[in-house]
Amino acid sequence: MIKMKSAYCGLALAFASAPAAAADMTQPRPVVVESGWNYQVTLDGWLAGLNGDVAVRGLPAAAVDVSPLEVLEDLDGVFAASFQAVGDSWLLYTDFMWAKISTDADVGPFGGTADFEQTQIVATALVGYEIPINVENMQLYATGGLRYQHNRVQVDFDPVFFPAVSRSSSQSWVDPIVGLTMHYDITDKWFVDVMGDVGGFGVASDITLQGTAVVGYNWTDTIATSFGYKALYTDFQDGGFRYDATQHGIFTRLAVKF
């Protein structure tokens, strides 16, 4: 009789606990929802030569000609970095560069030399929206934004027939820009990034153009490096200051993704 009671008690406990167990099984599990956004921070290197004419406060234009290979001798310092966020068909991008170079330049129709020094800041901010394309593993964005440039130029002019003259000038300006940005995964390791824009339109610069094309490699899910070429052309004039020059050269990038 005692055994029968024990069996009945066991069954009763089993039936009593069954609804609770079933309730536990039907309870929704916590779901971790990803934001859908990917972020990237980079350190950039740009061996940028400088070719063009720079005029300062009434002096004849200094014809600056520094090749990307020569820039290592003339470069006094450089820092460049960028940040990118991609998600929900949107692209947010910003970059910053500070550089200082010192070199010689030819000045004026009567000959003469000049010691040329330039300190430059270039910062870009872009917003992009993805353009639907029927190409696997490729994302293409139409972009729009602003480019800020600051140039401090000093020219020590030593003409052939006249006394030496030293002039310096500092100018800052902001240009609206529009462009395209493309990312293409060749494989899960190799990729190509291309960025191009045009701007100015007489708002500040008469025109400004920039283009970057790199081939990259994903070492891990979070670390990537890339190598390519970048060029920036600006034609800006304000009073006695004229900057009509192209920077161009080898471009490298170390990216951290998260």
C-alpha atoms as a PDB file:
ATOM      1  CA  MET A   1       0.000   0.000   0.000  1.00  0.00           C
ATOM      2  CA  ILE A   2       2.848   2.325   0.802  1.00  0.00           C
ATOM      3  CA  LYS A   3       4.410   1.585  -2.579  1.00  0.00           C
ATOM      4  CA  MET A   4       1.115   2.432  -4.339  1.00  0.00           C
ATOM      5  CA  LYS A   5       0.904   5.759  -2.515  1.00  0.00           C
ATOM      6  CA  SER A   6       4.467   6.578  -3.447  1.00  0.00           C
ATOM      7  CA  ALA A   7       3.733   5.848  -7.084  1.00  0.00           C
ATOM      8  CA  TYR A   8       0.611   8.034  -7.015  1.00  0.00           C
ATOM      9  CA  CYS A   9       2.602  10.852  -5.398  1.00  0.00           C
ATOM     10  CA  GLY A  10       5.293  10.556  -8.072  1.00  0.00           C
ATOM     11  CA  LEU A  11       2.720  10.752 -10.845  1.00  0.00           C
ATOM     12  CA  ALA A  12       1.056  13.717  -9.216  1.00  0.00           C
ATOM     13  CA  LEU A  13       4.337  15.563  -8.973  1.00  0.00           C
ATOM     14  CA  ALA A  14       5.164  14.782 -12.603  1.00  0.00           C
ATOM     15  CA  PHE A  15       1.803  16.086 -13.849  1.00  0.00           C
ATOM     16  CA  ALA A  16       2.073  19.151 -11.629  1.00  0.00           C
ATOM     17  CA  SER A  17       5.515  20.018 -12.968  1.00  0.00           C
ATOM     18  CA  ALA A  18       4.626  19.354 -16.624  1.00  0.00           C
ATOM     19  CA  PRO A  19       2.850  22.711 -17.249  1.00  0.00           C
ATOM     20  CA  ALA A  20       5.780  24.611 -15.726  1.00  0.00           C
ATOM     21  CA  ALA A  21       8.261  22.733 -17.922  1.00  0.00           C
ATOM     22  CA  ALA A  22       6.099  23.329 -20.971  1.00  0.00           C
ATOM     23  CA  ALA A  23       5.868  26.997 -20.062  1.00  0.00           C
ATOM     24  CA  ASP A  24       9.648  27.150 -19.826  1.00  0.00           C
ATOM     25  CA  MET A  25       9.973  25.564 -23.272  1.00  0.00           C
ATOM     26  CA  THR A  26       7.567  28.077 -24.813  1.00  0.00           C
ATOM     27  CA  GLN A  27       9.200  31.110 -23.203  1.00  0.00           C
ATOM     28  CA  PRO A  28      10.906  33.270 -25.869  1.00  0.00           C
ATOM     29  CA  ARG A  29      14.681  33.259 -25.620  1.00  0.00           C
ATOM     30  CA  PRO A  30      16.515  36.592 -25.532  1.00  0.00           C
ATOM     31  CA  VAL A  31      17.445  37.559 -29.102  1.00  0.00           C
ATOM     32  CA  VAL A  32      20.592  39.546 -29.761  1.00  0.00           C
ATOM     33  CA  VAL A  33      19.750  41.940 -32.578  1.00  0.00           C
ATOM     34  CA  GLU A  34      22.720  43.246 -34.520  1.00  0.00           C
ATOM     35  CA  SER A  35      22.627  46.882 -35.543  1.00  0.00           C
ATOM     36  CA  GLY A  36      23.502  46.060 -39.139  1.00  0.00           C
ATOM     37  CA  TRP A  37      26.243  48.704 -39.094  1.00  0.00           C
ATOM     38  CA  ASN A  38      29.938  48.028 -39.655  1.00  0.00           C
ATOM     39  CA  TYR A  39      32.658  50.465 -38.628  1.00  0.00           C
ATOM     40  CA  GLN A  40      36.230  51.034 -39.755  1.00  0.00           C
ATOM     41  CA  VAL A  41      39.055  53.198 -38.405  1.00  0.00           C
ATOM     42  CA  THR A  42      42.206  53.626 -40.471  1.00  0.00           C
ATOM     43  CA  LEU A  43      45.688  55.054 -40.360  1.00  0.00           C
ATOM     44  CA  ASP A  44      46.699  56.291 -43.806  1.00  0.00           C
ATOM     45  CA  GLY A  45      50.009  56.947 -45.502  1.00  0.00           C
ATOM     46  CA  TRP A  46      50.281  59.124 -48.593  1.00  0.00           C
ATOM     47  CA  LEU A  47      53.572  59.845 -50.345  1.00  0.00           C
ATOM     48  CA  ALA A  48      52.101  62.834 -52.149  1.00  0.00           C
ATOM     49  CA  GLY A  49      54.160  64.822 -54.609  1.00  0.00           C
ATOM     50  CA  LEU A  50      53.136  68.421 -55.313  1.00  0.00           C
ATOM     51  CA  ASN A  51      52.964  69.987 -58.767  1.00  0.00           C
ATOM     52  CA  GLY A  52      51.532  73.403 -59.568  1.00  0.00           C
ATOM     53  CA  ASP A  53      51.654  77.142 -58.995  1.00  0.00           C
ATOM     54  CA  VAL A  54      51.301  78.884 -55.646  1.00  0.00           C
ATOM     55  CA  ALA A  55      51.202  82.702 -55.384  1.00  0.00           C
ATOM     56  CA  VAL A  56      51.444  84.612 -52.097  1.00  0.00           C
ATOM     57  CA  ARG A  57      50.603  88.300 -51.504  1.00  0.00           C
ATOM     58  CA  GLY A  58      51.667  89.832 -54.767  1.00  0.00           C
ATOM     59  CA  LEU A  59      54.791  87.745 -55.377  1.00  0.00           C
ATOM     60  CA  PRO A  60      55.137  85.965 -58.731  1.00  0.00           C
ATOM     61  CA  ALA A  61      53.703  82.443 -58.673  1.00  0.00           C
ATOM     62  CA  ALA A  62      56.099  79.834 -57.328  1.00  0.00           C
ATOM     63  CA  ALA A  63      56.237  76.791 -59.635  1.00  0.00           C
ATOM     64  CA  VAL A  64      56.468  73.854 -57.236  1.00  0.00           C
ATOM     65  CA  ASP A  65      57.513  70.483 -58.661  1.00  0.00           C
ATOM     66  CA  VAL A  66      58.050  67.711 -56.129  1.00  0.00           C
ATOM     67  CA  SER A  67      57.652  64.111 -57.346  1.00  0.00           C
ATOM     68  CA  PRO A  68      56.212  61.397 -55.069  1.00  0.00           C
ATOM     69  CA  LEU A  69      59.713  59.892 -54.819  1.00  0.00           C
ATOM     70  CA  GLU A  70      61.304  63.232 -53.875  1.00  0.00           C
ATOM     71  CA  VAL A  71      58.721  64.012 -51.214  1.00  0.00           C
ATOM     72  CA  LEU A  72      60.562  61.876 -48.633  1.00  0.00           C
ATOM     73  CA  GLU A  73      63.405  64.411 -48.697  1.00  0.00           C
ATOM     74  CA  ASP A  74      61.073  67.421 -48.459  1.00  0.00           C
ATOM     75  CA  LEU A  75      58.472  66.072 -46.027  1.00  0.00           C
ATOM     76  CA  ASP A  76      58.708  67.624 -42.558  1.00  0.00           C
ATOM     77  CA  GLY A  77      55.772  65.732 -41.072  1.00  0.00           C
ATOM     78  CA  VAL A  78      52.462  64.047 -41.901  1.00  0.00           C
ATOM     79  CA  PHE A  79      49.463  62.455 -40.173  1.00  0.00           C
ATOM     80  CA  ALA A  80      46.366  61.004 -41.847  1.00  0.00           C
ATOM     81  CA  ALA A  81      43.410  58.935 -40.639  1.00  0.00           C
ATOM     82  CA  SER A  82      39.797  58.161 -41.525  1.00  0.00           C
ATOM     83  CA  PHE A  83      36.560  56.753 -40.096  1.00  0.00           C
ATOM     84  CA  GLN A  84      33.795  54.930 -41.956  1.00  0.00           C
ATOM     85  CA  ALA A  85      30.392  53.534 -40.992  1.00  0.00           C
ATOM     86  CA  VAL A  86      28.259  51.415 -43.349  1.00  0.00           C
ATOM     87  CA  GLY A  87      24.755  50.082 -42.758  1.00  0.00           C
ATOM     88  CA  ASP A  88      21.121  50.132 -43.871  1.00  0.00           C
ATOM     89  CA  SER A  89      22.178  51.315 -47.363  1.00  0.00           C
ATOM     90  CA  TRP A  90      23.967  54.346 -45.880  1.00  0.00           C
ATOM     91  CA  LEU A  91      27.643  55.298 -45.859  1.00  0.00           C
ATOM     92  CA  LEU A  92      29.181  57.807 -43.440  1.00  0.00           C
ATOM     93  CA  TYR A  93      32.796  58.754 -44.086  1.00  0.00           C
ATOM     94  CA  THR A  94      35.283  61.301 -42.800  1.00  0.00           C
ATOM     95  CA  ASP A  95      39.033  61.715 -43.160  1.00  0.00           C
ATOM     96  CA  PHE A  96      41.733  64.078 -41.942  1.00  0.00           C
ATOM     97  CA  MET A  97      45.259  64.865 -43.116  1.00  0.00           C
ATOM     98  CA  TRP A  98      47.951  67.202 -41.806  1.00  0.00           C
ATOM     99  CA  ALA A  99      51.205  67.602 -43.736  1.00  0.00           C
ATOM    100  CA  LYS A 100      54.164  69.961 -43.942  1.00  0.00           C
ATOM    101  CA  ILE A 101      56.720  70.150 -46.746  1.00  0.00           C
ATOM    102  CA  SER A 102      59.701  72.377 -47.516  1.00  0.00           C
ATOM    103  CA  THR A 103      61.285  72.595 -50.964  1.00  0.00           C
ATOM    104  CA  ASP A 104      62.733  74.891 -53.637  1.00  0.00           C
ATOM    105  CA  ALA A 105      60.677  76.482 -56.403  1.00  0.00           C
ATOM    106  CA  ASP A 106      61.227  78.482 -59.574  1.00  0.00           C
ATOM    107  CA  VAL A 107      59.693  81.968 -59.499  1.00  0.00           C
ATOM    108  CA  GLY A 108      58.871  84.590 -62.091  1.00  0.00           C
ATOM    109  CA  PRO A 109      59.696  85.127 -65.761  1.00  0.00           C
ATOM    110  CA  PHE A 110      63.127  86.649 -64.972  1.00  0.00           C
ATOM    111  CA  GLY A 111      64.397  83.646 -63.061  1.00  0.00           C
ATOM    112  CA  GLY A 112      65.256  83.287 -59.438  1.00  0.00           C
ATOM    113  CA  THR A 113      64.677  80.733 -56.732  1.00  0.00           C
ATOM    114  CA  ALA A 114      62.405  80.529 -53.734  1.00  0.00           C
ATOM    115  CA  ASP A 115      62.377  78.527 -50.535  1.00  0.00           C
ATOM    116  CA  PHE A 116      58.835  77.185 -50.395  1.00  0.00           C
ATOM    117  CA  GLU A 117      57.171  75.898 -47.211  1.00  0.00           C
ATOM    118  CA  GLN A 118      53.593  74.646 -46.979  1.00  0.00           C
ATOM    119  CA  THR A 119      51.584  73.461 -43.999  1.00  0.00           C
ATOM    120  CA  GLN A 120      48.318  71.871 -45.048  1.00  0.00           C
ATOM    121  CA  ILE A 121      45.177  70.465 -43.459  1.00  0.00           C
ATOM    122  CA  VAL A 122      42.580  68.624 -45.539  1.00  0.00           C
ATOM    123  CA  ALA A 123      39.402  67.188 -43.983  1.00  0.00           C
ATOM    124  CA  THR A 124      36.481  65.562 -45.800  1.00  0.00           C
ATOM    125  CA  ALA A 125      33.014  64.580 -44.562  1.00  0.00           C
ATOM    126  CA  LEU A 126      30.688  62.534 -46.786  1.00  0.00           C
ATOM    127  CA  VAL A 127      27.250  60.947 -46.616  1.00  0.00           C
ATOM    128  CA  GLY A 128      26.466  58.262 -49.189  1.00  0.00           C
ATOM    129  CA  TYR A 129      23.459  56.183 -50.221  1.00  0.00           C
ATOM    130  CA  GLU A 130      23.762  52.815 -51.932  1.00  0.00           C
ATOM    131  CA  ILE A 131      22.877  52.604 -55.623  1.00  0.00           C
ATOM    132  CA  PRO A 132      21.191  49.287 -56.530  1.00  0.00           C
ATOM    133  CA  ILE A 133      23.404  47.400 -58.990  1.00  0.00           C
ATOM    134  CA  ASN A 134      23.255  43.845 -60.252  1.00  0.00           C
ATOM    135  CA  VAL A 135      26.869  42.970 -59.471  1.00  0.00           C
ATOM    136  CA  GLU A 136      27.596  40.357 -56.829  1.00  0.00           C
ATOM    137  CA  ASN A 137      29.884  41.403 -53.957  1.00  0.00           C
ATOM    138  CA  MET A 138      29.916  45.063 -55.062  1.00  0.00           C
ATOM    139  CA  GLN A 139      28.547  48.102 -53.232  1.00  0.00           C
ATOM    140  CA  LEU A 140      28.273  51.445 -55.011  1.00  0.00           C
ATOM    141  CA  TYR A 141      27.338  54.668 -53.201  1.00  0.00           C
ATOM    142  CA  ALA A 142      26.436  58.123 -54.443  1.00  0.00           C
ATOM    143  CA  THR A 143      28.054  60.605 -52.063  1.00  0.00           C
ATOM    144  CA  GLY A 144      27.818  64.250 -51.143  1.00  0.00           C
ATOM    145  CA  GLY A 145      29.541  66.360 -48.537  1.00  0.00           C
ATOM    146  CA  LEU A 146      32.154  68.975 -47.772  1.00  0.00           C
ATOM    147  CA  ARG A 147      35.930  69.308 -48.064  1.00  0.00           C
ATOM    148  CA  TYR A 148      37.806  71.704 -45.782  1.00  0.00           C
ATOM    149  CA  GLN A 149      41.276  72.878 -46.759  1.00  0.00           C
ATOM    150  CA  HIS A 150      43.731  75.037 -44.860  1.00  0.00           C
ATOM    151  CA  ASN A 151      47.020  76.127 -46.407  1.00  0.00           C
ATOM    152  CA  ARG A 152      49.737  78.168 -44.788  1.00  0.00           C
ATOM    153  CA  VAL A 153      52.413  79.040 -47.341  1.00  0.00           C
ATOM    154  CA  GLN A 154      55.687  80.876 -46.897  1.00  0.00           C
ATOM    155  CA  VAL A 155      57.878  81.874 -49.843  1.00  0.00           C
ATOM    156  CA  ASP A 156      61.382  83.321 -49.402  1.00  0.00           C
ATOM    157  CA  PHE A 157      62.074  84.796 -52.847  1.00  0.00           C
ATOM    158  CA  ASP A 158      65.627  85.544 -53.975  1.00  0.00           C
ATOM    159  CA  PRO A 159      65.337  87.121 -57.460  1.00  0.00           C
ATOM    160  CA  VAL A 160      68.307  87.640 -59.771  1.00  0.00           C
ATOM    161  CA  PHE A 161      68.110  91.435 -60.108  1.00  0.00           C
ATOM    162  CA  PHE A 162      66.145  92.507 -57.008  1.00  0.00           C
ATOM    163  CA  PRO A 163      66.477  92.295 -53.206  1.00  0.00           C
ATOM    164  CA  ALA A 164      65.278  89.151 -51.446  1.00  0.00           C
ATOM    165  CA  VAL A 165      61.650  89.147 -50.296  1.00  0.00           C
ATOM    166  CA  SER A 166      59.818  86.925 -47.804  1.00  0.00           C
ATOM    167  CA  ARG A 167      56.048  86.507 -47.828  1.00  0.00           C
ATOM    168  CA  SER A 168      53.608  84.239 -45.996  1.00  0.00           C
ATOM    169  CA  SER A 169      49.867  83.747 -46.195  1.00  0.00           C
ATOM    170  CA  SER A 170      47.273  81.507 -44.596  1.00  0.00           C
ATOM    171  CA  GLN A 171      43.941  80.620 -46.182  1.00  0.00           C
ATOM    172  CA  SER A 172      41.075  78.315 -45.209  1.00  0.00           C
ATOM    173  CA  TRP A 173      38.053  77.368 -47.302  1.00  0.00           C
ATOM    174  CA  VAL A 174      35.253  74.812 -47.612  1.00  0.00           C
ATOM    175  CA  ASP A 175      33.993  73.260 -50.855  1.00  0.00           C
ATOM    176  CA  PRO A 176      30.822  71.250 -51.527  1.00  0.00           C
ATOM    177  CA  ILE A 177      31.613  67.946 -53.228  1.00  0.00           C
ATOM    178  CA  VAL A 178      29.702  65.102 -54.903  1.00  0.00           C
ATOM    179  CA  GLY A 179      31.016  61.739 -56.009  1.00  0.00           C
ATOM    180  CA  LEU A 180      30.918  57.946 -56.021  1.00  0.00           C
ATOM    181  CA  THR A 181      32.383  55.306 -53.708  1.00  0.00           C
ATOM    182  CA  MET A 182      32.773  51.647 -54.649  1.00  0.00           C
ATOM    183  CA  HIS A 183      33.768  48.556 -52.674  1.00  0.00           C
ATOM    184  CA  TYR A 184      34.210  45.204 -54.404  1.00  0.00           C
ATOM    185  CA  ASP A 185      35.128  41.887 -52.770  1.00  0.00           C
ATOM    186  CA  ILE A 186      37.232  39.896 -55.249  1.00  0.00           C
ATOM    187  CA  THR A 187      37.391  37.011 -52.762  1.00  0.00           C
ATOM    188  CA  ASP A 188      36.787  36.777 -49.039  1.00  0.00           C
ATOM    189  CA  LYS A 189      40.376  38.056 -48.613  1.00  0.00           C
ATOM    190  CA  TRP A 190      41.062  40.424 -51.532  1.00  0.00           C
ATOM    191  CA  PHE A 191      39.077  43.589 -52.240  1.00  0.00           C
ATOM    192  CA  VAL A 192      39.143  46.836 -54.240  1.00  0.00           C
ATOM    193  CA  ASP A 193      38.122  50.294 -52.978  1.00  0.00           C
ATOM    194  CA  VAL A 194      37.620  53.269 -55.309  1.00  0.00           C
ATOM    195  CA  MET A 195      36.563  56.798 -54.296  1.00  0.00           C
ATOM    196  CA  GLY A 196      36.137  59.833 -56.531  1.00  0.00           C
ATOM    197  CA  ASP A 197      34.584  63.271 -56.165  1.00  0.00           C
ATOM    198  CA  VAL A 198      34.351  66.686 -57.792  1.00  0.00           C
ATOM    199  CA  GLY A 199      33.473  69.963 -56.120  1.00  0.00           C
ATOM    200  CA  GLY A 200      34.091  73.629 -55.596  1.00  0.00           C
ATOM    201  CA  PHE A 201      31.841  74.894 -58.394  1.00  0.00           C
ATOM    202  CA  GLY A 202      32.984  78.443 -57.648  1.00  0.00           C
ATOM    203  CA  VAL A 203      31.660  78.394 -54.079  1.00  0.00           C
ATOM    204  CA  ALA A 204      35.232  78.579 -52.777  1.00  0.00           C
ATOM    205  CA  SER A 205      37.536  76.753 -55.178  1.00  0.00           C
ATOM    206  CA  ASP A 206      36.924  77.094 -58.874  1.00  0.00           C
ATOM    207  CA  ILE A 207      37.209  73.314 -58.905  1.00  0.00           C
ATOM    208  CA  THR A 208      38.529  70.528 -56.698  1.00  0.00           C
ATOM    209  CA  LEU A 209      38.945  66.894 -57.736  1.00  0.00           C
ATOM    210  CA  GLN A 210      39.982  63.857 -55.727  1.00  0.00           C
ATOM    211  CA  GLY A 211      40.392  60.187 -56.600  1.00  0.00           C
ATOM    212  CA  THR A 212      41.644  57.130 -54.717  1.00  0.00           C
ATOM    213  CA  ALA A 213      42.007  53.540 -55.957  1.00  0.00           C
ATOM    214  CA  VAL A 214      43.454  50.764 -53.773  1.00  0.00           C
ATOM    215  CA  VAL A 215      43.712  46.975 -53.654  1.00  0.00           C
ATOM    216  CA  GLY A 216      43.423  45.492 -50.169  1.00  0.00           C
ATOM    217  CA  TYR A 217      43.770  42.268 -48.220  1.00  0.00           C
ATOM    218  CA  ASN A 218      41.812  41.101 -45.145  1.00  0.00           C
ATOM    219  CA  TRP A 219      44.332  39.512 -42.792  1.00  0.00           C
ATOM    220  CA  THR A 220      41.611  38.751 -40.226  1.00  0.00           C
ATOM    221  CA  ASP A 221      37.980  39.749 -39.700  1.00  0.00           C
ATOM    222  CA  THR A 222      39.185  42.953 -38.034  1.00  0.00           C
ATOM    223  CA  ILE A 223      42.515  43.842 -39.699  1.00  0.00           C
ATOM    224  CA  ALA A 224      43.056  44.820 -43.349  1.00  0.00           C
ATOM    225  CA  THR A 225      45.732  46.618 -45.342  1.00  0.00           C
ATOM    226  CA  SER A 226      45.547  48.246 -48.773  1.00  0.00           C
ATOM    227  CA  PHE A 227      47.866  49.827 -51.328  1.00  0.00           C
ATOM    228  CA  GLY A 228      47.171  52.090 -54.289  1.00  0.00           C
ATOM    229  CA  TYR A 229      47.213  55.652 -55.628  1.00  0.00           C
ATOM    230  CA  LYS A 230      45.563  58.937 -54.619  1.00  0.00           C
ATOM    231  CA  ALA A 231      45.384  62.360 -56.264  1.00  0.00           C
ATOM    232  CA  LEU A 232      43.921  65.712 -55.169  1.00  0.00           C
ATOM    233  CA  TYR A 233      43.694  68.759 -57.437  1.00  0.00           C
ATOM    234  CA  THR A 234      42.559  72.188 -56.263  1.00  0.00           C
ATOM    235  CA  ASP A 235      42.263  75.519 -58.086  1.00  0.00           C
ATOM    236  CA  PHE A 236      41.594  78.224 -55.490  1.00  0.00           C
ATOM    237  CA  GLN A 237      42.163  81.979 -55.586  1.00  0.00           C
ATOM    238  CA  ASP A 238      41.363  84.687 -53.064  1.00  0.00           C
ATOM    239  CA  GLY A 239      42.930  88.142 -53.330  1.00  0.00           C
ATOM    240  CA  GLY A 240      46.685  87.781 -53.505  1.00  0.00           C
ATOM    241  CA  PHE A 241      46.628  84.058 -52.659  1.00  0.00           C
ATOM    242  CA  ARG A 242      46.546  81.494 -55.484  1.00  0.00           C
ATOM    243  CA  TYR A 243      46.740  77.729 -55.104  1.00  0.00           C
ATOM    244  CA  ASP A 244      46.543  75.803 -58.374  1.00  0.00           C
ATOM    245  CA  ALA A 245      48.207  72.475 -57.636  1.00  0.00           C
ATOM    246  CA  THR A 246      47.919  68.688 -57.706  1.00  0.00           C
ATOM    247  CA  GLN A 247      49.003  66.328 -54.964  1.00  0.00           C
ATOM    248  CA  HIS A 248      49.423  62.744 -56.092  1.00  0.00           C
ATOM    249  CA  GLY A 249      51.264  59.621 -55.076  1.00  0.00           C
ATOM    250  CA  ILE A 250      51.300  56.184 -53.485  1.00  0.00           C
ATOM    251  CA  PHE A 251      48.598  55.584 -50.890  1.00  0.00           C
ATOM    252  CA  THR A 252      48.607  52.949 -48.130  1.00  0.00           C
ATOM    253  CA  ARG A 253      46.096  52.114 -45.419  1.00  0.00           C
ATOM    254  CA  LEU A 254      45.887  50.046 -42.235  1.00  0.00           C
ATOM    255  CA  ALA A 255      42.259  49.425 -41.253  1.00  0.00           C
ATOM    256  CA  VAL A 256      40.677  48.145 -38.044  1.00  0.00           C
ATOM    257  CA  LYS A 257      37.099  46.912 -38.486  1.00  0.00           C
ATOM    258  CA  PHE A 258      34.486  46.383 -35.780  1.00  0.00           C
END
